C-alpha atoms as a PDB file:
ATOM      1  CA  MET A   1     -30.182 -24.841  34.662  1.00  0.00           C
ATOM      2  CA  ASN A   2     -29.387 -21.865  32.678  1.00  0.00           C
ATOM      3  CA  LEU A   3     -31.474 -21.640  29.699  1.00  0.00           C
ATOM      4  CA  VAL A   4     -30.553 -17.972  28.709  1.00  0.00           C
ATOM      5  CA  LYS A   5     -27.936 -17.833  26.077  1.00  0.00           C
ATOM      6  CA  ASN A   6     -25.411 -14.948  26.054  1.00  0.00           C
ATOM      7  CA  THR A   7     -25.516 -13.688  22.497  1.00  0.00           C
ATOM      8  CA  THR A   8     -24.324 -10.428  21.098  1.00  0.00           C
ATOM      9  CA  HIS A   9     -26.237  -9.344  17.954  1.00  0.00           C
ATOM     10  CA  GLN A  10     -24.144  -7.901  15.207  1.00  0.00           C
ATOM     11  CA  LEU A  11     -25.821  -6.050  12.595  1.00  0.00           C
ATOM     12  CA  PRO A  12     -25.695  -7.421   9.054  1.00  0.00           C
ATOM     13  CA  PRO A  13     -23.487  -5.364   6.667  1.00  0.00           C
ATOM     14  CA  ARG A  14     -25.219  -2.611   4.897  1.00  0.00           C
ATOM     15  CA  THR A  15     -22.907  -1.538   2.286  1.00  0.00           C
ATOM     16  CA  ALA A  16     -20.426  -3.199  -0.133  1.00  0.00           C
ATOM     17  CA  MET A  17     -17.554  -1.767   1.871  1.00  0.00           C
ATOM     18  CA  GLU A  18     -18.981  -3.315   5.043  1.00  0.00           C
ATOM     19  CA  VAL A  19     -19.048  -6.686   3.443  1.00  0.00           C
ATOM     20  CA  PHE A  20     -15.578  -6.156   1.829  1.00  0.00           C
ATOM     21  CA  GLU A  21     -14.079  -5.341   5.123  1.00  0.00           C
ATOM     22  CA  MET A  22     -15.323  -8.696   6.295  1.00  0.00           C
ATOM     23  CA  LEU A  23     -13.620 -10.690   3.664  1.00  0.00           C
ATOM     24  CA  PRO A  24     -10.450 -12.602   4.551  1.00  0.00           C
ATOM     25  CA  GLU A  25      -7.019 -10.985   4.190  1.00  0.00           C
ATOM     26  CA  GLY A  26      -5.656 -11.491   0.808  1.00  0.00           C
ATOM     27  CA  THR A  27      -8.974 -11.815  -0.886  1.00  0.00           C
ATOM     28  CA  LEU A  28      -8.762 -10.343  -4.567  1.00  0.00           C
ATOM     29  CA  ALA A  29     -11.628  -8.037  -4.275  1.00  0.00           C
ATOM     30  CA  GLU A  30     -12.270  -4.300  -4.971  1.00  0.00           C
ATOM     31  CA  VAL A  31     -15.087  -1.967  -4.144  1.00  0.00           C
ATOM     32  CA  ILE A  32     -16.026   0.469  -6.922  1.00  0.00           C
ATOM     33  CA  ASN A  33     -18.891   2.734  -6.449  1.00  0.00           C
ATOM     34  CA  ASN A  34     -20.328   0.574  -3.477  1.00  0.00           C
ATOM     35  CA  THR A  35     -20.067  -2.552  -5.851  1.00  0.00           C
ATOM     36  CA  ILE A  36     -17.786  -5.632  -5.076  1.00  0.00           C
ATOM     37  CA  TYR A  37     -15.835  -6.962  -7.871  1.00  0.00           C
ATOM     38  CA  MET A  38     -13.952 -10.103  -7.386  1.00  0.00           C
ATOM     39  CA  SER A  39     -11.289 -11.715  -9.659  1.00  0.00           C
ATOM     40  CA  PRO A  40      -9.438 -14.933 -10.030  1.00  0.00           C
ATOM     41  CA  ALA A  41      -5.811 -15.007  -9.287  1.00  0.00           C
ATOM     42  CA  PRO A  42      -3.698 -13.164 -12.038  1.00  0.00           C
ATOM     43  CA  SER A  43      -1.765 -15.158 -14.802  1.00  0.00           C
ATOM     44  CA  PHE A  44       1.838 -16.056 -14.748  1.00  0.00           C
ATOM     45  CA  GLN A  45       2.641 -13.416 -17.374  1.00  0.00           C
ATOM     46  CA  HIS A  46       0.656 -10.768 -15.399  1.00  0.00           C
ATOM     47  CA  GLN A  47       2.659 -11.564 -12.331  1.00  0.00           C
ATOM     48  CA  ASP A  48       5.982 -11.762 -14.198  1.00  0.00           C
ATOM     49  CA  ILE A  49       5.386  -8.214 -15.567  1.00  0.00           C
ATOM     50  CA  VAL A  50       4.307  -6.882 -12.201  1.00  0.00           C
ATOM     51  CA  GLY A  51       7.405  -8.235 -10.339  1.00  0.00           C
ATOM     52  CA  GLU A  52       9.911  -6.892 -12.976  1.00  0.00           C
ATOM     53  CA  LEU A  53       8.278  -3.474 -13.220  1.00  0.00           C
ATOM     54  CA  ALA A  54       7.910  -3.201  -9.501  1.00  0.00           C
ATOM     55  CA  MET A  55      11.461  -4.308  -8.899  1.00  0.00           C
ATOM     56  CA  HIS A  56      12.857  -1.498 -11.298  1.00  0.00           C
ATOM     57  CA  ILE A  57      10.650   1.091  -9.828  1.00  0.00           C
ATOM     58  CA  ARG A  58      11.108   0.091  -6.206  1.00  0.00           C
ATOM     59  CA  LEU A  59      15.140   0.124  -6.554  1.00  0.00           C
ATOM     60  CA  PHE A  60      14.816   3.616  -8.251  1.00  0.00           C
ATOM     61  CA  VAL A  61      12.477   5.014  -5.625  1.00  0.00           C
ATOM     62  CA  ASN A  62      14.359   3.636  -2.638  1.00  0.00           C
ATOM     63  CA  SER A  63      17.817   4.712  -4.004  1.00  0.00           C
ATOM     64  CA  ASN A  64      16.635   8.175  -4.381  1.00  0.00           C
ATOM     65  CA  ALA A  65      14.493   8.285  -1.179  1.00  0.00           C
ATOM     66  CA  LEU A  66      11.366   9.393  -3.310  1.00  0.00           C
ATOM     67  CA  GLY A  67       8.789   7.537  -1.281  1.00  0.00           C
ATOM     68  CA  SER A  68       7.297   3.921  -1.339  1.00  0.00           C
ATOM     69  CA  CYS A  69       6.473   1.605  -4.126  1.00  0.00           C
ATOM     70  CA  ILE A  70       4.052  -1.249  -3.245  1.00  0.00           C
ATOM     71  CA  THR A  71       2.689  -4.175  -5.051  1.00  0.00           C
ATOM     72  CA  ALA A  72      -0.783  -5.785  -4.753  1.00  0.00           C
ATOM     73  CA  PRO A  73      -2.440  -7.100  -2.855  1.00  0.00           C
ATOM     74  CA  VAL A  74      -2.935  -3.922  -0.832  1.00  0.00           C
ATOM     75  CA  ASP A  75      -6.174  -1.974  -0.419  1.00  0.00           C
ATOM     76  CA  VAL A  76      -6.185   1.650  -1.327  1.00  0.00           C
ATOM     77  CA  TYR A  77      -9.296   3.369   0.244  1.00  0.00           C
ATOM     78  CA  PHE A  78     -10.091   6.309  -1.767  1.00  0.00           C
ATOM     79  CA  ASP A  79     -13.525   6.884   0.188  1.00  0.00           C
ATOM     80  CA  GLY A  80     -16.349   4.986   1.655  1.00  0.00           C
ATOM     81  CA  ASN A  81     -17.511   3.539  -1.651  1.00  0.00           C
ATOM     82  CA  ASN A  82     -14.155   2.822  -3.533  1.00  0.00           C
ATOM     83  CA  ALA A  83     -11.311   0.527  -2.349  1.00  0.00           C
ATOM     84  CA  LEU A  84      -9.030  -0.796  -5.205  1.00  0.00           C
ATOM     85  CA  GLN A  85      -5.968  -2.918  -5.325  1.00  0.00           C
ATOM     86  CA  PRO A  86      -3.756  -1.546  -7.919  1.00  0.00           C
ATOM     87  CA  ASP A  87      -1.053  -3.864  -9.206  1.00  0.00           C
ATOM     88  CA  ILE A  88       1.755  -1.439  -8.376  1.00  0.00           C
ATOM     89  CA  LEU A  89       1.447   2.055  -6.670  1.00  0.00           C
ATOM     90  CA  PHE A  90       3.946   4.604  -5.799  1.00  0.00           C
ATOM     91  CA  ILE A  91       3.350   7.223  -2.923  1.00  0.00           C
ATOM     92  CA  SER A  92       5.655  10.166  -2.794  1.00  0.00           C
ATOM     93  CA  LYS A  93       7.419  10.973   0.252  1.00  0.00           C
ATOM     94  CA  ALA A  94       5.319  14.169   0.745  1.00  0.00           C
ATOM     95  CA  ASN A  95       2.192  12.108   0.382  1.00  0.00           C
ATOM     96  CA  LEU A  96       3.106   9.300   2.746  1.00  0.00           C
ATOM     97  CA  GLY A  97       0.518  10.656   5.255  1.00  0.00           C
ATOM     98  CA  ILE A  98      -2.132   8.668   3.541  1.00  0.00           C
ATOM     99  CA  VAL A  99      -0.746   5.410   5.158  1.00  0.00           C
ATOM    100  CA  LYS A 100      -2.683   5.163   8.338  1.00  0.00           C
ATOM    101  CA  ASP A 101      -2.799   2.182  10.847  1.00  0.00           C
ATOM    102  CA  GLY A 102      -1.169   0.217   8.063  1.00  0.00           C
ATOM    103  CA  LYS A 103      -3.805   1.153   5.455  1.00  0.00           C
ATOM    104  CA  ILE A 104      -3.571   3.260   2.469  1.00  0.00           C
ATOM    105  CA  LYS A 105      -6.454   6.072   2.919  1.00  0.00           C
ATOM    106  CA  GLY A 106      -6.264   8.339   0.024  1.00  0.00           C
ATOM    107  CA  THR A 107      -4.894   8.826  -3.284  1.00  0.00           C
ATOM    108  CA  PRO A 108      -1.618   7.345  -4.449  1.00  0.00           C
ATOM    109  CA  ASP A 109       0.626   9.564  -6.824  1.00  0.00           C
ATOM    110  CA  LEU A 110       1.121   6.801  -9.544  1.00  0.00           C
ATOM    111  CA  VAL A 111      -0.742   3.542 -10.213  1.00  0.00           C
ATOM    112  CA  ILE A 112       0.043   0.712 -12.724  1.00  0.00           C
ATOM    113  CA  GLU A 113      -2.366  -1.874 -13.678  1.00  0.00           C
ATOM    114  CA  VAL A 114      -1.310  -4.990 -15.852  1.00  0.00           C
ATOM    115  CA  LEU A 115      -4.213  -6.039 -17.865  1.00  0.00           C
ATOM    116  CA  SER A 116      -6.127  -9.396 -17.088  1.00  0.00           C
ATOM    117  CA  LEU A 117      -8.601 -10.991 -19.186  1.00  0.00           C
ATOM    118  CA  ASP A 118     -11.369  -8.168 -18.526  1.00  0.00           C
ATOM    119  CA  LYS A 119      -9.638  -5.267 -20.198  1.00  0.00           C
ATOM    120  CA  LYS A 120     -12.413  -3.076 -19.948  1.00  0.00           C
ATOM    121  CA  TYR A 121     -12.268  -3.361 -16.086  1.00  0.00           C
ATOM    122  CA  ASP A 122      -8.811  -1.640 -16.098  1.00  0.00           C
ATOM    123  CA  LEU A 123      -9.276   0.566 -19.060  1.00  0.00           C
ATOM    124  CA  GLU A 124     -12.660   1.933 -18.115  1.00  0.00           C
ATOM    125  CA  ILE A 125     -14.075   1.133 -14.756  1.00  0.00           C
ATOM    126  CA  LYS A 126     -10.795   1.510 -12.594  1.00  0.00           C
ATOM    127  CA  LYS A 127      -9.409   4.343 -14.959  1.00  0.00           C
ATOM    128  CA  ALA A 128     -12.614   6.268 -13.989  1.00  0.00           C
ATOM    129  CA  VAL A 129     -11.937   5.925 -10.253  1.00  0.00           C
ATOM    130  CA  TYR A 130      -8.303   6.796 -10.487  1.00  0.00           C
ATOM    131  CA  GLU A 131      -9.228   9.912 -12.568  1.00  0.00           C
ATOM    132  CA  LYS A 132     -11.930  10.944 -10.207  1.00  0.00           C
ATOM    133  CA  PHE A 133      -9.692  10.845  -7.163  1.00  0.00           C
ATOM    134  CA  GLY A 134      -6.717  12.536  -9.164  1.00  0.00           C
ATOM    135  CA  VAL A 135      -4.021   9.686  -9.336  1.00  0.00           C
ATOM    136  CA  LYS A 136      -1.372  11.850 -11.098  1.00  0.00           C
ATOM    137  CA  GLU A 137      -0.126   9.042 -13.429  1.00  0.00           C
ATOM    138  CA  TYR A 138      -1.986   5.952 -14.460  1.00  0.00           C
ATOM    139  CA  PHE A 139      -0.388   3.368 -16.569  1.00  0.00           C
ATOM    140  CA  VAL A 140      -1.995   0.334 -18.230  1.00  0.00           C
ATOM    141  CA  VAL A 141       0.287  -2.638 -19.297  1.00  0.00           C
ATOM    142  CA  GLU A 142      -0.636  -5.511 -21.756  1.00  0.00           C
ATOM    143  CA  PRO A 143       1.394  -8.316 -20.361  1.00  0.00           C
ATOM    144  CA  PHE A 144       1.806 -10.294 -23.817  1.00  0.00           C
ATOM    145  CA  THR A 145       2.740  -7.531 -26.019  1.00  0.00           C
ATOM    146  CA  LYS A 146       4.317  -5.260 -23.260  1.00  0.00           C
ATOM    147  CA  GLU A 147       2.432  -2.237 -24.726  1.00  0.00           C
ATOM    148  CA  VAL A 148       2.035   0.613 -22.053  1.00  0.00           C
ATOM    149  CA  VAL A 149      -0.715   3.031 -22.402  1.00  0.00           C
ATOM    150  CA  SER A 150      -0.158   6.138 -20.324  1.00  0.00           C
ATOM    151  CA  PHE A 151      -2.393   8.757 -18.615  1.00  0.00           C
ATOM    152  CA  TYR A 152      -1.358  11.816 -17.119  1.00  0.00           C
ATOM    153  CA  PHE A 153      -3.702  13.879 -14.918  1.00  0.00           C
ATOM    154  CA  ASP A 154      -4.080  17.461 -15.891  1.00  0.00           C
ATOM    155  CA  GLY A 155      -5.822  18.619 -12.916  1.00  0.00           C
ATOM    156  CA  LYS A 156      -9.332  17.692 -14.309  1.00  0.00           C
ATOM    157  CA  LYS A 157      -8.960  14.797 -16.417  1.00  0.00           C
ATOM    158  CA  TYR A 158      -6.682  12.230 -17.922  1.00  0.00           C
ATOM    159  CA  ILE A 159      -4.488  13.159 -21.139  1.00  0.00           C
ATOM    160  CA  LEU A 160      -3.693   9.995 -23.053  1.00  0.00           C
ATOM    161  CA  GLN A 161       0.073   9.877 -24.092  1.00  0.00           C
ATOM    162  CA  GLU A 162       1.739   7.992 -26.693  1.00  0.00           C
ATOM    163  CA  SER A 163       1.801   4.075 -26.154  1.00  0.00           C
ATOM    164  CA  LYS A 164       5.362   2.520 -25.883  1.00  0.00           C
ATOM    165  CA  ILE A 165       6.401  -1.068 -25.985  1.00  0.00           C
ATOM    166  CA  GLY A 166       8.380  -2.348 -23.163  1.00  0.00           C
ATOM    167  CA  LYS A 167       8.914   1.164 -21.633  1.00  0.00           C
ATOM    168  CA  LEU A 168       6.956   2.965 -18.943  1.00  0.00           C
ATOM    169  CA  LYS A 169       7.944   6.784 -19.023  1.00  0.00           C
ATOM    170  CA  SER A 170       6.926   8.506 -15.800  1.00  0.00           C
ATOM    171  CA  LYS A 171       6.971  12.241 -15.674  1.00  0.00           C
ATOM    172  CA  LEU A 172       6.379  12.073 -11.955  1.00  0.00           C
ATOM    173  CA  LEU A 173       9.409  10.096 -11.313  1.00  0.00           C
ATOM    174  CA  LYS A 174      11.421  11.660 -14.204  1.00  0.00           C
ATOM    175  CA  LYS A 175      12.539   8.164 -15.407  1.00  0.00           C
ATOM    176  CA  THR A 176      11.718   5.784 -18.036  1.00  0.00           C
ATOM    177  CA  PHE A 177      11.706   2.038 -16.998  1.00  0.00           C
ATOM    178  CA  ALA A 178      12.495  -0.695 -19.611  1.00  0.00           C
ATOM    179  CA  PHE A 179      11.043  -4.048 -19.073  1.00  0.00           C
END
């Protein structure tokens, strides 16, 4: 009789990132400054805006061979303490090297977040991470009014631009997208 069990000991996770990486694929979770944030599925209006904007941007990006436009959920690893899931992101052709082993490990060129109930999360917490890591353009869209708040990175910090209703004006893509 064999009373010895063959067990392998796995150390418990020590950081939020280690816990995050153990979550099932598709989990709506992000790590910001080594803290895990989880959220419920987005609203219909949220997803409708994401789909429409992403369609316009993706068609433009693909037809002009500018890079890649992706929608959530996809993890963007900025560093060992920050992994976010932007609603829409654009990676320029010159920056596609940040896609490694099917993951985004680095800073996208453009990020769009469509607001959910916790507006502070997108307007302050996530914005601070995008600014820290130098995302060139950051847009926040209010799904019910279609107001677009635009931030452009000047090399040090974000500069707030004029808000527009139903129009997203990208200096990087040299295009205004109406939705």
